[in-house]
PDB file of N, CA and C in Angstrom:
ATOM      1  N   MET A   1      12.132 -50.246 -18.409  1.00  0.00           N
ATOM      2  CA  MET A   1      10.817 -50.725 -18.785  1.00  0.00           C
ATOM      3  C   MET A   1      10.890 -52.178 -19.257  1.00  0.00           C
ATOM      4  N   ARG A   2      11.880 -52.490 -20.076  1.00  0.00           N
ATOM      5  CA  ARG A   2      12.025 -53.846 -20.601  1.00  0.00           C
ATOM      6  C   ARG A   2      12.243 -54.837 -19.455  1.00  0.00           C
ATOM      7  N   TYR A   3      12.988 -54.453 -18.440  1.00  0.00           N
ATOM      8  CA  TYR A   3      13.261 -55.343 -17.317  1.00  0.00           C
ATOM      9  C   TYR A   3      12.016 -55.571 -16.480  1.00  0.00           C
ATOM     10  N   HIS A   4      11.176 -54.560 -16.349  1.00  0.00           N
ATOM     11  CA  HIS A   4       9.925 -54.710 -15.603  1.00  0.00           C
ATOM     12  C   HIS A   4       8.994 -55.698 -16.305  1.00  0.00           C
ATOM     13  N   LEU A   5       8.930 -55.601 -17.620  1.00  0.00           N
ATOM     14  CA  LEU A   5       8.091 -56.508 -18.391  1.00  0.00           C
ATOM     15  C   LEU A   5       8.600 -57.945 -18.258  1.00  0.00           C
ATOM     16  N   LEU A   6       9.906 -58.124 -18.310  1.00  0.00           N
ATOM     17  CA  LEU A   6      10.507 -59.442 -18.157  1.00  0.00           C
ATOM     18  C   LEU A   6      10.204 -59.997 -16.767  1.00  0.00           C
ATOM     19  N   ALA A   7      10.360 -59.169 -15.748  1.00  0.00           N
ATOM     20  CA  ALA A   7      10.093 -59.605 -14.376  1.00  0.00           C
ATOM     21  C   ALA A   7       8.626 -59.996 -14.208  1.00  0.00           C
ATOM     22  N   LEU A   8       7.717 -59.203 -14.760  1.00  0.00           N
ATOM     23  CA  LEU A   8       6.293 -59.526 -14.674  1.00  0.00           C
ATOM     24  C   LEU A   8       5.966 -60.826 -15.405  1.00  0.00           C
ATOM     25  N   THR A   9       6.602 -61.039 -16.535  1.00  0.00           N
ATOM     26  CA  THR A   9       6.384 -62.274 -17.292  1.00  0.00           C
ATOM     27  C   THR A   9       6.854 -63.479 -16.497  1.00  0.00           C
ATOM     28  N   LEU A  10       8.015 -63.378 -15.877  1.00  0.00           N
ATOM     29  CA  LEU A  10       8.534 -64.481 -15.063  1.00  0.00           C
ATOM     30  C   LEU A  10       7.635 -64.759 -13.862  1.00  0.00           C
ATOM     31  N   ILE A  11       7.187 -63.719 -13.189  1.00  0.00           N
ATOM     32  CA  ILE A  11       6.307 -63.884 -12.034  1.00  0.00           C
ATOM     33  C   ILE A  11       4.985 -64.516 -12.463  1.00  0.00           C
ATOM     34  N   ALA A  12       4.424 -64.054 -13.567  1.00  0.00           N
ATOM     35  CA  ALA A  12       3.172 -64.622 -14.070  1.00  0.00           C
ATOM     36  C   ALA A  12       3.358 -66.094 -14.419  1.00  0.00           C
ATOM     37  N   GLY A  13       4.502 -66.446 -14.972  1.00  0.00           N
ATOM     38  CA  GLY A  13       4.781 -67.844 -15.308  1.00  0.00           C
ATOM     39  C   GLY A  13       4.848 -68.729 -14.087  1.00  0.00           C
ATOM     40  N   LEU A  14       5.355 -68.191 -12.985  1.00  0.00           N
ATOM     41  CA  LEU A  14       5.415 -68.958 -11.743  1.00  0.00           C
ATOM     42  C   LEU A  14       4.045 -69.077 -11.086  1.00  0.00           C
ATOM     43  N   LEU A  15       3.278 -67.993 -11.132  1.00  0.00           N
ATOM     44  CA  LEU A  15       1.966 -67.996 -10.487  1.00  0.00           C
ATOM     45  C   LEU A  15       0.911 -68.738 -11.293  1.00  0.00           C
ATOM     46  N   PHE A  16       1.006 -68.665 -12.612  1.00  0.00           N
ATOM     47  CA  PHE A  16       0.003 -69.268 -13.493  1.00  0.00           C
ATOM     48  C   PHE A  16       0.695 -70.156 -14.516  1.00  0.00           C
ATOM     49  N   PRO A  17       1.004 -71.414 -14.137  1.00  0.00           N
ATOM     50  CA  PRO A  17       1.696 -72.301 -15.065  1.00  0.00           C
ATOM     51  C   PRO A  17       0.905 -72.498 -16.355  1.00  0.00           C
ATOM     52  N   SER A  18       1.584 -72.941 -17.369  1.00  0.00           N
ATOM     53  CA  SER A  18       0.969 -73.176 -18.679  1.00  0.00           C
ATOM     54  C   SER A  18      -0.301 -73.985 -18.541  1.00  0.00           C
ATOM     55  N   GLY A  19      -1.356 -73.529 -19.188  1.00  0.00           N
ATOM     56  CA  GLY A  19      -2.620 -74.238 -19.178  1.00  0.00           C
ATOM     57  C   GLY A  19      -3.525 -73.890 -18.012  1.00  0.00           C
ATOM     58  N   ALA A  20      -3.077 -73.003 -17.113  1.00  0.00           N
ATOM     59  CA  ALA A  20      -3.877 -72.679 -15.936  1.00  0.00           C
ATOM     60  C   ALA A  20      -5.182 -72.007 -16.308  1.00  0.00           C
ATOM     61  N   PHE A  21      -5.234 -71.346 -17.466  1.00  0.00           N
ATOM     62  CA  PHE A  21      -6.445 -70.647 -17.874  1.00  0.00           C
ATOM     63  C   PHE A  21      -7.294 -71.463 -18.840  1.00  0.00           C
ATOM     64  N   ALA A  22      -6.883 -72.687 -19.121  1.00  0.00           N
ATOM     65  CA  ALA A  22      -7.632 -73.508 -20.068  1.00  0.00           C
ATOM     66  C   ALA A  22      -9.028 -73.760 -19.528  1.00  0.00           C
ATOM     67  N   ALA A  23     -10.016 -73.566 -20.384  1.00  0.00           N
ATOM     68  CA  ALA A  23     -11.399 -73.727 -19.970  1.00  0.00           C
ATOM     69  C   ALA A  23     -11.969 -75.061 -20.424  1.00  0.00           C
ATOM     70  N   ALA A  24     -11.165 -75.878 -21.032  1.00  0.00           N
ATOM     71  CA  ALA A  24     -11.661 -77.122 -21.615  1.00  0.00           C
ATOM     72  C   ALA A  24     -11.863 -78.201 -20.566  1.00  0.00           C
ATOM     73  N   ASP A  25     -13.081 -78.489 -20.231  1.00  0.00           N
ATOM     74  CA  ASP A  25     -13.506 -79.630 -19.424  1.00  0.00           C
ATOM     75  C   ASP A  25     -12.496 -80.027 -18.345  1.00  0.00           C
ATOM     76  N   ASN A  26     -12.236 -79.151 -17.415  1.00  0.00           N
ATOM     77  CA  ASN A  26     -11.272 -79.432 -16.362  1.00  0.00           C
ATOM     78  C   ASN A  26     -11.636 -80.647 -15.529  1.00  0.00           C
ATOM     79  N   ALA A  27     -12.906 -80.963 -15.400  1.00  0.00           N
ATOM     80  CA  ALA A  27     -13.318 -82.113 -14.611  1.00  0.00           C
ATOM     81  C   ALA A  27     -12.816 -83.407 -15.235  1.00  0.00           C
ATOM     82  N   ALA A  28     -12.657 -83.432 -16.534  1.00  0.00           N
ATOM     83  CA  ALA A  28     -12.223 -84.645 -17.213  1.00  0.00           C
ATOM     84  C   ALA A  28     -10.703 -84.733 -17.303  1.00  0.00           C
ATOM     85  N   GLN A  29      -9.998 -83.704 -16.881  1.00  0.00           N
ATOM     86  CA  GLN A  29      -8.553 -83.709 -16.980  1.00  0.00           C
ATOM     87  C   GLN A  29      -7.946 -84.454 -15.798  1.00  0.00           C
ATOM     88  N   PRO A  30      -6.844 -85.171 -16.013  1.00  0.00           N
ATOM     89  CA  PRO A  30      -6.180 -85.886 -14.947  1.00  0.00           C
ATOM     90  C   PRO A  30      -5.509 -84.931 -13.969  1.00  0.00           C
ATOM     91  N   ALA A  31      -5.193 -85.450 -12.808  1.00  0.00           N
ATOM     92  CA  ALA A  31      -4.485 -84.654 -11.807  1.00  0.00           C
ATOM     93  C   ALA A  31      -3.123 -84.272 -12.364  1.00  0.00           C
ATOM     94  N   THR A  32      -2.646 -83.097 -12.014  1.00  0.00           N
ATOM     95  CA  THR A  32      -1.349 -82.655 -12.521  1.00  0.00           C
ATOM     96  C   THR A  32      -0.228 -83.218 -11.670  1.00  0.00           C
ATOM     97  N   GLY A  33       0.959 -83.089 -12.191  1.00  0.00           N
ATOM     98  CA  GLY A  33       2.130 -83.532 -11.466  1.00  0.00           C
ATOM     99  C   GLY A  33       2.727 -84.768 -12.101  1.00  0.00           C
ATOM    100  N   SER A  34       3.958 -85.040 -11.721  1.00  0.00           N
ATOM    101  CA  SER A  34       4.592 -86.247 -12.208  1.00  0.00           C
ATOM    102  C   SER A  34       5.276 -86.917 -11.042  1.00  0.00           C
ATOM    103  N   LYS A  35       5.609 -88.149 -11.228  1.00  0.00           N
ATOM    104  CA  LYS A  35       6.191 -88.963 -10.184  1.00  0.00           C
ATOM    105  C   LYS A  35       7.228 -89.846 -10.850  1.00  0.00           C
ATOM    106  N   SER A  36       8.134 -90.405 -10.098  1.00  0.00           N
ATOM    107  CA  SER A  36       9.122 -91.312 -10.663  1.00  0.00           C
ATOM    108  C   SER A  36       8.909 -92.713 -10.119  1.00  0.00           C
ATOM    109  N   THR A  37       9.223 -93.703 -10.951  1.00  0.00           N
ATOM    110  CA  THR A  37       9.161 -95.085 -10.509  1.00  0.00           C
ATOM    111  C   THR A  37      10.408 -95.387  -9.706  1.00  0.00           C
ATOM    112  N   GLU A  38      10.458 -96.576  -9.128  1.00  0.00           N
ATOM    113  CA  GLU A  38      11.646 -96.981  -8.385  1.00  0.00           C
ATOM    114  C   GLU A  38      12.873 -97.024  -9.291  1.00  0.00           C
ATOM    115  N   SER A  39      12.661 -97.299 -10.579  1.00  0.00           N
ATOM    116  CA  SER A  39      13.780 -97.352 -11.522  1.00  0.00           C
ATOM    117  C   SER A  39      14.205 -95.961 -11.972  1.00  0.00           C
ATOM    118  N   GLY A  40      13.451 -94.924 -11.525  1.00  0.00           N
ATOM    119  CA  GLY A  40      13.803 -93.554 -11.872  1.00  0.00           C
ATOM    120  C   GLY A  40      13.111 -93.043 -13.119  1.00  0.00           C
ATOM    121  N   ARG A  41      12.265 -93.862 -13.749  1.00  0.00           N
ATOM    122  CA  ARG A  41      11.550 -93.413 -14.940  1.00  0.00           C
ATOM    123  C   ARG A  41      10.407 -92.493 -14.520  1.00  0.00           C
ATOM    124  N   ALA A  42      10.244 -91.407 -15.246  1.00  0.00           N
ATOM    125  CA  ALA A  42       9.199 -90.431 -14.929  1.00  0.00           C
ATOM    126  C   ALA A  42       7.832 -90.991 -15.288  1.00  0.00           C
ATOM    127  N   MET A  43       6.882 -90.805 -14.370  1.00  0.00           N
ATOM    128  CA  MET A  43       5.509 -91.223 -14.609  1.00  0.00           C
ATOM    129  C   MET A  43       4.680 -89.994 -14.943  1.00  0.00           C
ATOM    130  N   THR A  44       3.634 -90.198 -15.706  1.00  0.00           N
ATOM    131  CA  THR A  44       2.751 -89.131 -16.143  1.00  0.00           C
ATOM    132  C   THR A  44       1.362 -89.373 -15.577  1.00  0.00           C
ATOM    133  N   ALA A  45       0.710 -88.305 -15.107  1.00  0.00           N
ATOM    134  CA  ALA A  45      -0.647 -88.415 -14.581  1.00  0.00           C
ATOM    135  C   ALA A  45      -1.629 -88.556 -15.733  1.00  0.00           C
ATOM    136  N   GLY A  46      -2.626 -89.419 -15.541  1.00  0.00           N
ATOM    137  CA  GLY A  46      -3.619 -89.615 -16.586  1.00  0.00           C
ATOM    138  C   GLY A  46      -4.929 -90.137 -16.030  1.00  0.00           C
ATOM    139  N   ALA A  47      -5.941 -90.131 -16.877  1.00  0.00           N
ATOM    140  CA  ALA A  47      -7.261 -90.660 -16.538  1.00  0.00           C
ATOM    141  C   ALA A  47      -7.664 -91.643 -17.634  1.00  0.00           C
ATOM    142  N   VAL A  48      -8.079 -92.838 -17.227  1.00  0.00           N
ATOM    143  CA  VAL A  48      -8.482 -93.866 -18.183  1.00  0.00           C
ATOM    144  C   VAL A  48      -9.848 -93.506 -18.755  1.00  0.00           C
ATOM    145  N   LYS A  49      -9.932 -93.443 -20.070  1.00  0.00           N
ATOM    146  CA  LYS A  49     -11.182 -93.115 -20.760  1.00  0.00           C
ATOM    147  C   LYS A  49     -11.869 -94.359 -21.307  1.00  0.00           C
ATOM    148  N   LYS A  50     -11.063 -95.372 -21.724  1.00  0.00           N
ATOM    149  CA  LYS A  50     -11.640 -96.582 -22.302  1.00  0.00           C
ATOM    150  C   LYS A  50     -10.627 -97.715 -22.187  1.00  0.00           C
ATOM    151  N   VAL A  51     -11.128 -98.923 -21.941  1.00  0.00           N
ATOM    152  CA  VAL A  51     -10.293-100.120 -21.923  1.00  0.00           C
ATOM    153  C   VAL A  51     -10.834-101.062 -22.991  1.00  0.00           C
ATOM    154  N   ASP A  52      -9.973-101.447 -23.942  1.00  0.00           N
ATOM    155  CA  ASP A  52     -10.368-102.355 -25.021  1.00  0.00           C
ATOM    156  C   ASP A  52      -9.508-103.613 -24.904  1.00  0.00           C
ATOM    157  N   LYS A  53     -10.024-104.588 -24.123  1.00  0.00           N
ATOM    158  CA  LYS A  53      -9.255-105.818 -23.884  1.00  0.00           C
ATOM    159  C   LYS A  53      -9.047-106.613 -25.162  1.00  0.00           C
ATOM    160  N   ALA A  54     -10.043-106.640 -26.030  1.00  0.00           N
ATOM    161  CA  ALA A  54      -9.929-107.409 -27.273  1.00  0.00           C
ATOM    162  C   ALA A  54      -8.779-106.901 -28.136  1.00  0.00           C
ATOM    163  N   ALA A  55      -8.588-105.598 -28.172  1.00  0.00           N
ATOM    164  CA  ALA A  55      -7.521-105.005 -28.978  1.00  0.00           C
ATOM    165  C   ALA A  55      -6.217-104.858 -28.200  1.00  0.00           C
ATOM    166  N   GLY A  56      -6.268-105.068 -26.880  1.00  0.00           N
ATOM    167  CA  GLY A  56      -5.062-104.904 -26.059  1.00  0.00           C
ATOM    168  C   GLY A  56      -4.645-103.461 -25.921  1.00  0.00           C
ATOM    169  N   LYS A  57      -5.666-102.556 -25.841  1.00  0.00           N
ATOM    170  CA  LYS A  57      -5.364-101.119 -25.801  1.00  0.00           C
ATOM    171  C   LYS A  57      -6.156-100.408 -24.721  1.00  0.00           C
ATOM    172  N   VAL A  58      -5.634 -99.248 -24.332  1.00  0.00           N
ATOM    173  CA  VAL A  58      -6.287 -98.394 -23.351  1.00  0.00           C
ATOM    174  C   VAL A  58      -6.209 -96.949 -23.839  1.00  0.00           C
ATOM    175  N   THR A  59      -7.304 -96.213 -23.666  1.00  0.00           N
ATOM    176  CA  THR A  59      -7.331 -94.797 -24.025  1.00  0.00           C
ATOM    177  C   THR A  59      -7.122 -93.995 -22.751  1.00  0.00           C
ATOM    178  N   ILE A  60      -6.149 -93.080 -22.777  1.00  0.00           N
ATOM    179  CA  ILE A  60      -5.788 -92.293 -21.596  1.00  0.00           C
ATOM    180  C   ILE A  60      -5.756 -90.811 -21.949  1.00  0.00           C
ATOM    181  N   SER A  61      -6.408 -89.997 -21.127  1.00  0.00           N
ATOM    182  CA  SER A  61      -6.287 -88.541 -21.192  1.00  0.00           C
ATOM    183  C   SER A  61      -5.161 -88.193 -20.228  1.00  0.00           C
ATOM    184  N   HIS A  62      -4.105 -87.555 -20.734  1.00  0.00           N
ATOM    185  CA  HIS A  62      -2.924 -87.392 -19.878  1.00  0.00           C
ATOM    186  C   HIS A  62      -2.275 -86.018 -19.996  1.00  0.00           C
ATOM    187  N   GLU A  63      -1.429 -85.767 -19.037  1.00  0.00           N
ATOM    188  CA  GLU A  63      -0.598 -84.565 -19.000  1.00  0.00           C
ATOM    189  C   GLU A  63       0.511 -84.705 -20.048  1.00  0.00           C
ATOM    190  N   PRO A  64       1.268 -83.647 -20.312  1.00  0.00           N
ATOM    191  CA  PRO A  64       2.362 -83.738 -21.292  1.00  0.00           C
ATOM    192  C   PRO A  64       3.382 -84.821 -20.918  1.00  0.00           C
ATOM    193  N   ILE A  65       3.913 -85.477 -21.942  1.00  0.00           N
ATOM    194  CA  ILE A  65       4.976 -86.474 -21.757  1.00  0.00           C
ATOM    195  C   ILE A  65       6.203 -85.930 -22.479  1.00  0.00           C
ATOM    196  N   GLU A  66       7.089 -85.325 -21.720  1.00  0.00           N
ATOM    197  CA  GLU A  66       8.237 -84.632 -22.301  1.00  0.00           C
ATOM    198  C   GLU A  66       9.137 -85.537 -23.123  1.00  0.00           C
ATOM    199  N   LYS A  67       9.459 -86.721 -22.587  1.00  0.00           N
ATOM    200  CA  LYS A  67      10.421 -87.578 -23.298  1.00  0.00           C
ATOM    201  C   LYS A  67       9.878 -88.069 -24.632  1.00  0.00           C
ATOM    202  N   LEU A  68       8.552 -88.075 -24.807  1.00  0.00           N
ATOM    203  CA  LEU A  68       7.949 -88.462 -26.080  1.00  0.00           C
ATOM    204  C   LEU A  68       7.493 -87.248 -26.880  1.00  0.00           C
ATOM    205  N   GLU A  69       7.780 -86.065 -26.348  1.00  0.00           N
ATOM    206  CA  GLU A  69       7.411 -84.790 -26.981  1.00  0.00           C
ATOM    207  C   GLU A  69       5.917 -84.710 -27.282  1.00  0.00           C
ATOM    208  N   MET A  70       5.109 -85.125 -26.304  1.00  0.00           N
ATOM    209  CA  MET A  70       3.653 -85.106 -26.446  1.00  0.00           C
ATOM    210  C   MET A  70       3.063 -84.021 -25.564  1.00  0.00           C
ATOM    211  N   PRO A  71       2.159 -83.239 -26.094  1.00  0.00           N
ATOM    212  CA  PRO A  71       1.442 -82.279 -25.247  1.00  0.00           C
ATOM    213  C   PRO A  71       0.341 -83.018 -24.470  1.00  0.00           C
ATOM    214  N   ARG A  72      -0.376 -82.294 -23.634  1.00  0.00           N
ATOM    215  CA  ARG A  72      -1.543 -82.857 -22.961  1.00  0.00           C
ATOM    216  C   ARG A  72      -2.516 -83.303 -24.050  1.00  0.00           C
ATOM    217  N   MET A  73      -3.008 -84.541 -23.949  1.00  0.00           N
ATOM    218  CA  MET A  73      -3.911 -85.067 -24.970  1.00  0.00           C
ATOM    219  C   MET A  73      -4.601 -86.323 -24.480  1.00  0.00           C
ATOM    220  N   THR A  74      -5.523 -86.808 -25.292  1.00  0.00           N
ATOM    221  CA  THR A  74      -6.148 -88.107 -25.077  1.00  0.00           C
ATOM    222  C   THR A  74      -5.679 -88.990 -26.219  1.00  0.00           C
ATOM    223  N   MET A  75      -5.180 -90.187 -25.860  1.00  0.00           N
ATOM    224  CA  MET A  75      -4.574 -91.038 -26.879  1.00  0.00           C
ATOM    225  C   MET A  75      -4.779 -92.510 -26.539  1.00  0.00           C
ATOM    226  N   VAL A  76      -4.778 -93.339 -27.572  1.00  0.00           N
ATOM    227  CA  VAL A  76      -4.887 -94.791 -27.411  1.00  0.00           C
ATOM    228  C   VAL A  76      -3.473 -95.369 -27.327  1.00  0.00           C
ATOM    229  N   TYR A  77      -3.245 -96.214 -26.326  1.00  0.00           N
ATOM    230  CA  TYR A  77      -1.952 -96.861 -26.117  1.00  0.00           C
ATOM    231  C   TYR A  77      -2.109 -98.365 -26.116  1.00  0.00           C
ATOM    232  N   ARG A  78      -1.091 -99.053 -26.572  1.00  0.00           N
ATOM    233  CA  ARG A  78      -0.976-100.489 -26.342  1.00  0.00           C
ATOM    234  C   ARG A  78      -0.481-100.659 -24.922  1.00  0.00           C
ATOM    235  N   VAL A  79      -0.527-101.877 -24.411  1.00  0.00           N
ATOM    236  CA  VAL A  79       0.015-102.159 -23.086  1.00  0.00           C
ATOM    237  C   VAL A  79       1.100-103.226 -23.204  1.00  0.00           C
ATOM    238  N   LYS A  80       2.075-103.125 -22.343  1.00  0.00           N
ATOM    239  CA  LYS A  80       3.208-104.059 -22.357  1.00  0.00           C
ATOM    240  C   LYS A  80       2.724-105.488 -22.141  1.00  0.00           C
ATOM    241  N   ASP A  81       1.779-105.650 -21.212  1.00  0.00           N
ATOM    242  CA  ASP A  81       1.254-106.963 -20.861  1.00  0.00           C
ATOM    243  C   ASP A  81      -0.274-106.882 -20.864  1.00  0.00           C
ATOM    244  N   PRO A  82      -0.952-107.692 -21.668  1.00  0.00           N
ATOM    245  CA  PRO A  82      -2.422-107.636 -21.720  1.00  0.00           C
ATOM    246  C   PRO A  82      -3.099-107.809 -20.354  1.00  0.00           C
ATOM    247  N   ALA A  83      -2.448-108.465 -19.416  1.00  0.00           N
ATOM    248  CA  ALA A  83      -3.010-108.641 -18.075  1.00  0.00           C
ATOM    249  C   ALA A  83      -3.176-107.300 -17.350  1.00  0.00           C
ATOM    250  N   MET A  84      -2.432-106.285 -17.791  1.00  0.00           N
ATOM    251  CA  MET A  84      -2.557-104.955 -17.193  1.00  0.00           C
ATOM    252  C   MET A  84      -3.979-104.424 -17.360  1.00  0.00           C
ATOM    253  N   LEU A  85      -4.631-104.774 -18.463  1.00  0.00           N
ATOM    254  CA  LEU A  85      -5.975-104.270 -18.745  1.00  0.00           C
ATOM    255  C   LEU A  85      -7.017-104.778 -17.743  1.00  0.00           C
ATOM    256  N   ASP A  86      -6.729-105.904 -17.097  1.00  0.00           N
ATOM    257  CA  ASP A  86      -7.639-106.440 -16.079  1.00  0.00           C
ATOM    258  C   ASP A  86      -7.669-105.552 -14.837  1.00  0.00           C
ATOM    259  N   ARG A  87      -6.646-104.739 -14.664  1.00  0.00           N
ATOM    260  CA  ARG A  87      -6.544-103.875 -13.477  1.00  0.00           C
ATOM    261  C   ARG A  87      -6.975-102.441 -13.765  1.00  0.00           C
ATOM    262  N   LEU A  88      -7.461-102.174 -14.984  1.00  0.00           N
ATOM    263  CA  LEU A  88      -7.882-100.822 -15.367  1.00  0.00           C
ATOM    264  C   LEU A  88      -9.368-100.803 -15.696  1.00  0.00           C
ATOM    265  N   LYS A  89      -9.999 -99.662 -15.371  1.00  0.00           N
ATOM    266  CA  LYS A  89     -11.392 -99.465 -15.783  1.00  0.00           C
ATOM    267  C   LYS A  89     -11.597 -97.984 -16.087  1.00  0.00           C
ATOM    268  N   GLU A  90     -12.616 -97.700 -16.868  1.00  0.00           N
ATOM    269  CA  GLU A  90     -12.933 -96.329 -17.233  1.00  0.00           C
ATOM    270  C   GLU A  90     -13.103 -95.478 -15.976  1.00  0.00           C
ATOM    271  N   GLY A  91     -12.484 -94.298 -15.981  1.00  0.00           N
ATOM    272  CA  GLY A  91     -12.569 -93.374 -14.860  1.00  0.00           C
ATOM    273  C   GLY A  91     -11.406 -93.466 -13.888  1.00  0.00           C
ATOM    274  N   ASP A  92     -10.595 -94.534 -13.958  1.00  0.00           N
ATOM    275  CA  ASP A  92      -9.439 -94.662 -13.067  1.00  0.00           C
ATOM    276  C   ASP A  92      -8.459 -93.527 -13.311  1.00  0.00           C
ATOM    277  N   ARG A  93      -7.904 -93.008 -12.246  1.00  0.00           N
ATOM    278  CA  ARG A  93      -6.810 -92.035 -12.332  1.00  0.00           C
ATOM    279  C   ARG A  93      -5.533 -92.805 -12.047  1.00  0.00           C
ATOM    280  N   ILE A  94      -4.556 -92.624 -12.932  1.00  0.00           N
ATOM    281  CA  ILE A  94      -3.317 -93.388 -12.830  1.00  0.00           C
ATOM    282  C   ILE A  94      -2.103 -92.502 -13.064  1.00  0.00           C
ATOM    283  N   ASN A  95      -0.956 -93.002 -12.639  1.00  0.00           N
ATOM    284  CA  ASN A  95       0.344 -92.503 -13.065  1.00  0.00           C
ATOM    285  C   ASN A  95       0.915 -93.625 -13.912  1.00  0.00           C
ATOM    286  N   PHE A  96       1.487 -93.281 -15.078  1.00  0.00           N
ATOM    287  CA  PHE A  96       1.971 -94.335 -15.963  1.00  0.00           C
ATOM    288  C   PHE A  96       3.260 -93.943 -16.665  1.00  0.00           C
ATOM    289  N   VAL A  97       3.943 -94.961 -17.173  1.00  0.00           N
ATOM    290  CA  VAL A  97       5.151 -94.783 -17.968  1.00  0.00           C
ATOM    291  C   VAL A  97       4.827 -95.275 -19.372  1.00  0.00           C
ATOM    292  N   ALA A  98       5.051 -94.431 -20.364  1.00  0.00           N
ATOM    293  CA  ALA A  98       4.832 -94.811 -21.762  1.00  0.00           C
ATOM    294  C   ALA A  98       6.149 -94.729 -22.511  1.00  0.00           C
ATOM    295  N   GLU A  99       6.331 -95.646 -23.440  1.00  0.00           N
ATOM    296  CA  GLU A  99       7.499 -95.659 -24.306  1.00  0.00           C
ATOM    297  C   GLU A  99       7.055 -96.017 -25.717  1.00  0.00           C
ATOM    298  N   LYS A 100       7.899 -95.716 -26.670  1.00  0.00           N
ATOM    299  CA  LYS A 100       7.623 -96.115 -28.041  1.00  0.00           C
ATOM    300  C   LYS A 100       8.320 -97.454 -28.269  1.00  0.00           C
ATOM    301  N   VAL A 101       7.524 -98.507 -28.498  1.00  0.00           N
ATOM    302  CA  VAL A 101       8.046 -99.858 -28.676  1.00  0.00           C
ATOM    303  C   VAL A 101       7.661-100.339 -30.068  1.00  0.00           C
ATOM    304  N   ASN A 102       8.652-100.627 -30.895  1.00  0.00           N
ATOM    305  CA  ASN A 102       8.410-101.079 -32.271  1.00  0.00           C
ATOM    306  C   ASN A 102       7.441-100.150 -33.004  1.00  0.00           C
ATOM    307  N   GLY A 103       7.601 -98.857 -32.791  1.00  0.00           N
ATOM    308  CA  GLY A 103       6.792 -97.866 -33.486  1.00  0.00           C
ATOM    309  C   GLY A 103       5.438 -97.577 -32.858  1.00  0.00           C
ATOM    310  N   ALA A 104       5.087 -98.283 -31.781  1.00  0.00           N
ATOM    311  CA  ALA A 104       3.775 -98.084 -31.141  1.00  0.00           C
ATOM    312  C   ALA A 104       3.960 -97.530 -29.726  1.00  0.00           C
ATOM    313  N   PHE A 105       3.152 -96.529 -29.369  1.00  0.00           N
ATOM    314  CA  PHE A 105       3.199 -95.993 -28.019  1.00  0.00           C
ATOM    315  C   PHE A 105       2.571 -97.016 -27.077  1.00  0.00           C
ATOM    316  N   THR A 106       3.334 -97.366 -26.028  1.00  0.00           N
ATOM    317  CA  THR A 106       2.975 -98.484 -25.164  1.00  0.00           C
ATOM    318  C   THR A 106       3.087 -98.091 -23.698  1.00  0.00           C
ATOM    319  N   VAL A 107       2.078 -98.463 -22.910  1.00  0.00           N
ATOM    320  CA  VAL A 107       2.130 -98.281 -21.462  1.00  0.00           C
ATOM    321  C   VAL A 107       2.987 -99.417 -20.911  1.00  0.00           C
ATOM    322  N   MET A 108       4.093 -99.044 -20.280  1.00  0.00           N
ATOM    323  CA  MET A 108       5.028-100.028 -19.745  1.00  0.00           C
ATOM    324  C   MET A 108       4.684-100.424 -18.317  1.00  0.00           C
ATOM    325  N   GLU A 109       4.163 -99.463 -17.560  1.00  0.00           N
ATOM    326  CA  GLU A 109       3.746 -99.713 -16.184  1.00  0.00           C
ATOM    327  C   GLU A 109       2.815 -98.596 -15.745  1.00  0.00           C
ATOM    328  N   PHE A 110       2.023 -98.878 -14.707  1.00  0.00           N
ATOM    329  CA  PHE A 110       1.128 -97.862 -14.169  1.00  0.00           C
ATOM    330  C   PHE A 110       0.853 -98.173 -12.712  1.00  0.00           C
ATOM    331  N   GLU A 111       0.350 -97.154 -12.028  1.00  0.00           N
ATOM    332  CA  GLU A 111      -0.117 -97.337 -10.655  1.00  0.00           C
ATOM    333  C   GLU A 111      -1.313 -96.419 -10.434  1.00  0.00           C
ATOM    334  N   PRO A 112      -2.281 -96.879  -9.663  1.00  0.00           N
ATOM    335  CA  PRO A 112      -3.446 -96.027  -9.393  1.00  0.00           C
ATOM    336  C   PRO A 112      -3.042 -94.838  -8.522  1.00  0.00           C
ATOM    337  N   THR A 113      -3.769 -93.733  -8.678  1.00  0.00           N
ATOM    338  CA  THR A 113      -3.530 -92.573  -7.818  1.00  0.00           C
ATOM    339  C   THR A 113      -4.727 -92.412  -6.904  1.00  0.00           C
ATOM    340  N   LYS A 114      -4.545 -91.619  -5.889  1.00  0.00           N
ATOM    341  CA  LYS A 114      -5.612 -91.406  -4.902  1.00  0.00           C
ATOM    342  C   LYS A 114      -6.478 -90.250  -5.283  1.00  0.00           C
TER     343      LYS A 114
END
């Protein structure tokens, strides 16, 4: 009996990944999946919610970022280069790399998704 329960749990985990039953505003959630940059750094899928050029920040709703131990969330990030903000607008879907730089979470690079 214990083995059947374990097998069912494993199968359910494969068929219904974490968050598959979440009812929270799926239309506003970014596309799932991750991608790697040419340098091999993992990119995270996200959706731009706000661009604040004056503050040099961007608000992104994103998938989990394992290396930063972040769950799926919406968060404000600094950007490595303020010129990056000229290429972003509210509603854009992106893949991005974030790192903690001098104590602040910072978008190091991004690319638009289709």
